[in-house]
Protein backbone atom coordinates (compact mmCIF):
# COMPACT_ATOMS: atom_id res chain seq x y z
CA UNK A 1 16.69 7.21 14.71
CA UNK A 2 13.47 8.66 13.32
CA UNK A 3 14.93 8.84 9.80
CA UNK A 4 14.63 5.05 9.39
CA UNK A 5 11.90 4.07 6.92
CA UNK A 6 12.08 0.36 7.94
CA UNK A 7 12.63 -0.39 4.25
CA UNK A 8 14.94 -3.32 5.04
CA UNK A 9 17.68 -2.32 2.59
CA UNK A 10 20.28 -2.32 5.36
CA UNK A 11 19.31 -5.85 6.40
CA UNK A 12 19.48 -7.08 2.80
CA UNK A 13 22.89 -5.46 2.28
CA UNK A 14 24.54 -6.29 5.61
CA UNK A 15 27.37 -8.83 5.12
CA UNK A 16 27.14 -10.04 8.74
CA UNK A 17 23.33 -10.39 8.82
CA UNK A 18 22.58 -7.70 11.41
CA UNK A 19 18.80 -7.25 11.79
CA UNK A 20 18.74 -3.48 12.20
CA UNK A 21 15.05 -2.64 11.84
CA UNK A 22 13.63 -4.43 14.93
CA UNK A 23 16.34 -2.77 17.02
CA UNK A 24 15.37 0.67 15.74
CA UNK A 25 11.68 -0.05 16.37
CA UNK A 26 12.46 -1.17 19.93
CA UNK A 27 14.34 2.07 20.60
CA UNK A 28 11.46 4.09 19.19
CA UNK A 29 9.08 2.14 21.43
CA UNK A 30 11.15 3.14 24.46
CA UNK A 31 11.15 6.82 23.44
CA UNK A 32 7.38 6.87 22.88
CA UNK A 33 6.06 4.69 25.70
CA UNK A 34 8.66 5.35 28.42
CA UNK A 35 9.84 8.87 27.60
CA UNK A 36 6.76 10.26 25.83
CA UNK A 37 8.86 11.59 22.95
CA UNK A 38 7.36 10.73 19.55
CA UNK A 39 8.29 13.04 16.66
CA UNK A 40 6.23 16.23 17.07
CA UNK A 41 4.80 16.06 13.56
CA UNK A 42 3.72 12.43 14.00
CA UNK A 43 1.55 13.15 17.04
CA UNK A 44 -1.42 14.24 14.92
CA UNK A 45 -1.39 10.98 12.96
CA UNK A 46 -1.17 8.93 16.17
CA UNK A 47 -4.06 10.88 17.68
CA UNK A 48 -6.06 10.32 14.49
CA UNK A 49 -5.52 6.57 14.71
CA UNK A 50 -6.48 6.63 18.39
CA UNK A 51 -9.62 8.74 18.12
CA UNK A 52 -10.88 8.13 14.58
CA UNK A 53 -9.26 4.93 13.41
CA UNK A 54 -7.17 6.53 10.65
CA UNK A 55 -4.01 8.68 10.52
CA UNK A 56 -5.77 11.40 8.52
CA UNK A 57 -8.12 11.91 11.50
CA UNK A 58 -11.14 11.95 9.20
CA UNK A 59 -14.59 10.75 10.20
CA UNK A 60 -15.08 6.99 10.52
CA UNK A 61 -18.50 7.42 8.93
CA UNK A 62 -16.85 8.67 5.73
CA UNK A 63 -14.97 5.42 5.04
CA UNK A 64 -17.31 4.46 2.19
CA UNK A 65 -17.51 7.86 0.49
CA UNK A 66 -14.91 6.72 -2.06
CA UNK A 67 -17.50 4.23 -3.32
CA UNK A 68 -20.84 5.93 -2.73
CA UNK A 69 -19.76 9.21 -4.35
CA UNK A 70 -18.79 7.20 -7.45
CA UNK A 71 -22.16 5.48 -7.53
CA UNK A 72 -20.78 2.12 -6.40
CA UNK A 73 -23.17 0.03 -4.32
CA UNK A 74 -20.79 -2.47 -2.77
CA UNK A 75 -21.62 -5.57 -0.73
CA UNK A 76 -20.80 -5.05 2.95
CA UNK A 77 -19.81 -7.88 5.28
CA UNK A 78 -22.20 -6.77 8.02
CA UNK A 79 -25.07 -7.57 5.65
CA UNK A 80 -23.54 -10.32 3.52
CA UNK A 81 -21.84 -12.24 6.38
CA UNK A 82 -19.96 -14.53 3.98
CA UNK A 83 -17.84 -14.02 0.84
CA UNK A 84 -14.96 -15.63 -0.98
CA UNK A 85 -12.87 -12.44 -0.78
CA UNK A 86 -12.82 -9.71 1.84
CA UNK A 87 -11.58 -6.55 0.16
CA UNK A 88 -9.50 -4.61 2.70
CA UNK A 89 -9.54 -1.07 1.30
CA UNK A 90 -7.15 0.51 3.80
CA UNK A 91 -7.10 4.05 5.15
CA UNK A 92 -5.42 5.45 2.04
CA UNK A 93 -7.95 3.83 -0.28
CA UNK A 94 -10.77 5.20 1.84
CA UNK A 95 -9.55 8.75 2.45
CA UNK A 96 -6.75 9.78 0.07
CA UNK A 97 -8.18 11.07 -3.24
CA UNK A 98 -5.41 9.57 -5.37
CA UNK A 99 -5.72 6.14 -3.76
CA UNK A 100 -9.50 6.26 -4.02
CA UNK A 101 -9.05 5.97 -7.79
CA UNK A 102 -7.07 2.77 -7.24
CA UNK A 103 -9.75 1.41 -4.89
CA UNK A 104 -12.37 1.96 -7.59
CA UNK A 105 -10.12 0.36 -10.23
CA UNK A 106 -9.84 -2.81 -8.15
CA UNK A 107 -13.63 -2.91 -7.74
CA UNK A 108 -13.97 -2.60 -11.53
CA UNK A 109 -11.60 -5.53 -11.98
CA UNK A 110 -13.34 -7.74 -9.40
CA UNK A 111 -16.76 -6.98 -10.82
CA UNK A 112 -15.56 -7.74 -14.35
CA UNK A 113 -14.22 -11.10 -13.11
CA UNK A 114 -17.44 -11.76 -11.14
CA UNK A 115 -15.53 -12.18 -7.89
CA UNK A 116 -17.62 -12.91 -4.81
CA UNK A 117 -16.34 -10.13 -2.53
CA UNK A 118 -17.42 -7.74 0.20
CA UNK A 119 -15.92 -4.85 2.15
CA UNK A 120 -16.05 -4.05 5.86
CA UNK A 121 -17.23 -0.51 5.21
CA UNK A 122 -17.43 1.58 8.38
CA UNK A 123 -16.27 -1.41 10.45
CA UNK A 124 -12.79 -1.22 8.90
CA UNK A 125 -10.22 0.71 10.88
CA UNK A 126 -6.46 1.32 10.60
CA UNK A 127 -4.42 -1.89 10.74
CA UNK A 128 -1.87 -0.17 13.02
CA UNK A 129 1.24 -0.44 10.82
CA UNK A 130 2.31 3.18 11.27
CA UNK A 131 1.58 3.08 15.00
CA UNK A 132 3.90 0.10 15.49
CA UNK A 133 6.70 1.55 13.31
CA UNK A 134 6.43 4.81 15.27
CA UNK A 135 6.88 2.94 18.54
CA UNK A 136 3.26 3.27 19.77
CA UNK A 137 2.94 -0.43 20.54
CA UNK A 138 -0.05 -0.05 22.84
CA UNK A 139 -2.04 1.67 20.07
CA UNK A 140 -0.97 -0.97 17.57
CA UNK A 141 -2.11 -3.81 19.81
CA UNK A 142 -5.42 -2.05 20.46
CA UNK A 143 -6.09 -1.65 16.73
CA UNK A 144 -4.95 -5.20 16.00
CA UNK A 145 -7.28 -6.74 18.58
CA UNK A 146 -10.17 -4.60 17.37
CA UNK A 147 -9.64 -5.65 13.75
CA UNK A 148 -9.20 -9.32 14.63
CA UNK A 149 -12.46 -9.27 16.57
CA UNK A 150 -14.23 -7.69 13.58
CA UNK A 151 -12.75 -10.11 11.03
CA UNK A 152 -13.57 -13.16 13.15
CA UNK A 153 -17.27 -12.32 12.89
CA UNK A 154 -17.37 -13.20 9.19
CA UNK A 155 -16.64 -16.07 6.83
CA UNK A 156 -14.20 -15.50 3.97
CA UNK A 157 -11.38 -17.42 2.36
CA UNK A 158 -8.85 -14.63 2.12
CA UNK A 159 -8.25 -10.93 2.30
CA UNK A 160 -7.18 -8.93 -0.76
CA UNK A 161 -5.61 -5.48 -0.28
CA UNK A 162 -3.79 -2.96 -2.50
CA UNK A 163 -1.49 -1.92 0.36
CA UNK A 164 1.63 -4.01 1.17
CA UNK A 165 1.70 -2.48 4.66
CA UNK A 166 -1.82 -3.77 5.33
CA UNK A 167 -0.87 -7.11 3.78
CA UNK A 168 2.22 -7.48 5.97
CA UNK A 169 0.64 -6.32 9.21
CA UNK A 170 -2.62 -8.29 8.96
CA UNK A 171 -1.12 -11.35 7.29
CA UNK A 172 2.09 -11.64 9.32
CA UNK A 173 1.99 -9.62 12.54
CA UNK A 174 -1.62 -10.32 13.53
CA UNK A 175 -0.63 -13.98 13.95
CA UNK A 176 1.01 -13.00 17.24
CA UNK A 177 -2.46 -12.04 18.48
CA UNK A 178 -4.22 -15.17 17.20
CA UNK A 179 -5.36 -13.43 14.04
CA UNK A 180 -4.62 -16.06 11.40
CA UNK A 181 -5.72 -14.74 7.99
CA UNK A 182 -4.58 -15.39 4.45
CA UNK A 183 -3.79 -12.00 2.96
CA UNK A 184 -2.72 -11.46 -0.66
CA UNK A 185 -1.67 -8.33 -2.48
CA UNK A 186 -3.90 -7.14 -5.29
CA UNK A 187 -1.13 -7.68 -7.87
CA UNK A 188 -1.03 -11.39 -6.97
CA UNK A 189 -4.82 -11.61 -6.99
CA UNK A 190 -5.28 -9.89 -10.35
CA UNK A 191 -2.62 -12.14 -11.86
CA UNK A 192 -4.62 -15.15 -10.66
CA UNK A 193 -7.75 -13.78 -12.30
CA UNK A 194 -5.91 -13.30 -15.59
CA UNK A 195 -4.24 -16.72 -15.45
CA UNK A 196 -7.60 -18.34 -14.69
CA UNK A 197 -9.22 -16.75 -17.72
CA UNK A 198 -11.61 -14.66 -15.65
CA UNK A 199 -10.38 -11.41 -17.18
CA UNK A 200 -9.57 -10.49 -20.76
CA UNK A 201 -7.52 -7.45 -21.70
CA UNK A 202 -7.36 -5.50 -24.94
CA UNK A 203 -4.44 -6.20 -27.27
CA UNK A 204 -3.66 -2.59 -28.10
CA UNK A 205 -2.13 -1.53 -24.82
CA UNK A 206 -3.55 1.26 -22.71
CA UNK A 207 -1.67 4.29 -24.00
CA UNK A 208 0.75 4.57 -21.09
CA UNK A 209 3.86 4.18 -23.24
CA UNK A 210 7.06 2.93 -21.66
CA UNK A 211 6.59 1.98 -18.02
CA UNK A 212 9.11 1.65 -15.21
CA UNK A 213 8.17 -0.05 -11.95
CA UNK A 214 8.98 1.23 -8.48
CA UNK A 215 9.25 -1.74 -6.10
CA UNK A 216 7.51 -1.09 -2.76
CA UNK A 217 9.75 -2.19 0.12
CA UNK A 218 7.01 -4.07 1.97
CA UNK A 219 5.97 -5.92 -1.18
CA UNK A 220 9.47 -6.69 -2.44
CA UNK A 221 12.07 -7.00 0.31
CA UNK A 222 9.57 -8.10 2.95
CA UNK A 223 7.56 -10.55 0.80
CA UNK A 224 9.70 -11.26 -2.28
CA UNK A 225 6.94 -10.19 -4.66
CA UNK A 226 8.87 -8.79 -7.59
CA UNK A 227 7.37 -10.58 -10.57
CA UNK A 228 3.61 -10.35 -10.00
CA UNK A 229 3.39 -6.56 -10.53
CA UNK A 230 5.73 -6.72 -13.52
CA UNK A 231 3.65 -9.50 -15.06
CA UNK A 232 0.59 -7.27 -14.74
CA UNK A 233 2.37 -4.38 -16.42
CA UNK A 234 3.40 -6.55 -19.38
CA UNK A 235 -0.09 -7.98 -19.75
CA UNK A 236 -1.77 -4.58 -19.45
CA UNK A 237 0.51 -2.90 -21.98
CA UNK A 238 -0.12 -5.51 -24.65
CA UNK A 239 1.74 -4.86 -27.89
CA UNK A 240 2.45 -1.20 -27.16
CA UNK A 241 4.91 0.40 -24.78
CA UNK A 242 7.54 -1.53 -22.89
CA UNK A 243 8.87 -2.20 -19.40
CA UNK A 244 12.13 -0.48 -18.52
CA UNK A 245 13.96 -0.94 -15.21
CA UNK A 246 15.48 1.67 -12.96
CA UNK A 247 19.09 1.12 -11.91
CA UNK A 248 17.91 0.42 -8.35
CA UNK A 249 15.18 -2.19 -8.73
CA UNK A 250 13.85 -5.39 -7.18
CA UNK A 251 15.76 -6.28 -3.99
CA UNK A 252 17.95 -3.19 -4.49
CA UNK A 253 14.99 -0.84 -4.88
CA UNK A 254 15.22 2.68 -3.48
CA UNK A 255 12.57 3.47 -0.84
CA UNK A 256 9.96 6.16 -1.55
CA UNK A 257 10.53 7.53 1.96
CA UNK A 258 7.10 6.90 3.52
CA UNK A 259 7.69 3.68 5.47
CA UNK A 260 8.39 3.44 9.17
CA UNK A 261 5.84 6.16 9.87
CA UNK A 262 7.83 8.70 7.82
CA UNK A 263 4.65 9.26 5.81
CA UNK A 264 3.45 11.44 8.68
CA UNK A 265 6.46 13.65 9.37
CA UNK A 266 9.67 14.97 7.79
CA UNK A 267 13.05 15.34 9.42
CA UNK A 268 13.95 19.01 9.73
CA UNK A 269 17.56 18.44 8.67
CA UNK A 270 16.63 16.47 5.57
CA UNK A 271 18.08 18.40 2.67
CA UNK A 272 16.64 16.26 -0.10
CA UNK A 273 13.57 14.10 0.15
CA UNK A 274 13.79 10.46 -0.84
CA UNK A 275 10.74 10.58 -3.09
CA UNK A 276 12.33 13.31 -5.20
CA UNK A 277 15.45 11.18 -5.67
CA UNK A 278 13.28 8.26 -6.73
CA UNK A 279 11.30 10.34 -9.22
CA UNK A 280 14.56 11.49 -10.80
CA UNK A 281 15.67 7.87 -11.09
CA UNK A 282 12.37 7.00 -12.78
CA UNK A 283 12.63 9.94 -15.17
CA UNK A 284 16.20 8.94 -16.09
CA UNK A 285 14.88 5.71 -17.63
CA UNK A 286 12.99 7.69 -20.28
CA UNK A 287 9.73 6.08 -19.17
CA UNK A 288 6.38 7.76 -19.76
CA UNK A 289 4.82 6.15 -16.69
CA UNK A 290 6.13 5.09 -13.30
CA UNK A 291 3.98 2.30 -11.89
CA UNK A 292 3.84 1.14 -8.32
CA UNK A 293 1.74 -1.13 -6.12
CA UNK A 294 1.60 0.54 -2.70
CA UNK A 295 -0.70 3.17 -1.22
CA UNK A 296 2.15 5.08 0.43
CA UNK A 297 4.40 4.84 -2.63
CA UNK A 298 1.60 6.24 -4.77
CA UNK A 299 1.25 9.32 -2.56
CA UNK A 300 5.01 9.90 -2.40
CA UNK A 301 5.69 9.35 -6.09
CA UNK A 302 2.72 11.45 -7.17
CA UNK A 303 3.87 14.25 -4.89
CA UNK A 304 7.45 13.92 -6.14
CA UNK A 305 6.41 14.18 -9.78
CA UNK A 306 4.55 17.42 -9.02
CA UNK A 307 7.42 18.93 -7.01
CA UNK A 308 9.86 18.04 -9.80
CA UNK A 309 7.55 19.59 -12.41
CA UNK A 310 7.28 16.32 -14.33
CA UNK A 311 3.46 16.12 -14.60
CA UNK A 312 3.53 16.52 -18.39
CA UNK A 313 6.20 13.90 -18.98
CA UNK A 314 5.82 11.29 -16.25
CA UNK A 315 2.51 9.93 -14.97
CA UNK A 316 2.14 7.76 -11.87
CA UNK A 317 -0.13 4.71 -11.98
CA UNK A 318 -0.90 1.75 -9.77
CA UNK A 319 -0.72 -1.64 -11.50
CA UNK A 320 -4.45 -2.10 -10.86
CA UNK A 321 -5.15 1.11 -12.80
CA UNK A 322 -3.12 -0.16 -15.76
CA UNK A 323 -5.17 -3.35 -15.82
CA UNK A 324 -8.50 -1.55 -15.33
CA UNK A 325 -7.64 0.80 -18.22
CA UNK A 326 -7.07 -2.26 -20.45
CA UNK A 327 -10.32 -4.07 -19.72
């Protein structure tokens, strides 16, 4: 039961339209809330979300270090009160070193396009996605209500986030708690900036060679966003490089293995990790770069490349990084 990544591939493939994932989540909820039996290795992440507002259990006061340590003085909603765009950084963007680079790339893009944006800073806390997938519904609802209360204090037109899990949870699931927000993924938003002429990219490509794209499950199967990240890759590469597809792509994409709370634990009987399989599929295309558009996918693919010893032949980039490198 705990092996499920909630990727939705079974639902998409099922010929009799069985909706497996909600059933699995309900069973997990029973095990956690009624039996007190979450996976042992996931307990630390759940405690981190409970006590510190993030699954890494790092200090809430460090949420803006990713920006301040890079010399970025960003507008904060508590001071600004009103903005066109609220930039939801997410726990990974705030605390994970690899995703911090992506967070800074998106800031570079928004500043270049003169976007009126602000961040929540220390007021931002985990959206609760992993808590809900792990069956800790009480914790999810607590985080959801806290975030909705915070967001309702400010005026903004929409939320932009680099994480499909944040996008799905805040934009779709918060509606059940009267949190009605328009949330868009950063690939959609950057495409709008390019289409509107607010950004211009160099014509020579960005030196990333041939690129293959790994479709995040919560961006693709959950929200049918397959073209926006690919459009960004084509625009960012310019005349150089090329986009090559893996055999399992788009609605048939192969999960990185992090969804459904699996980011925070591994099954003991798992003989081969999903992210390693996916890295091998990316390498088989002959691509120089595997691009993705999800905070969890970035961590899993980056880790898989290192474990497979592919650092010298296959780099991992977020689509926002490709665009930022081409500005």
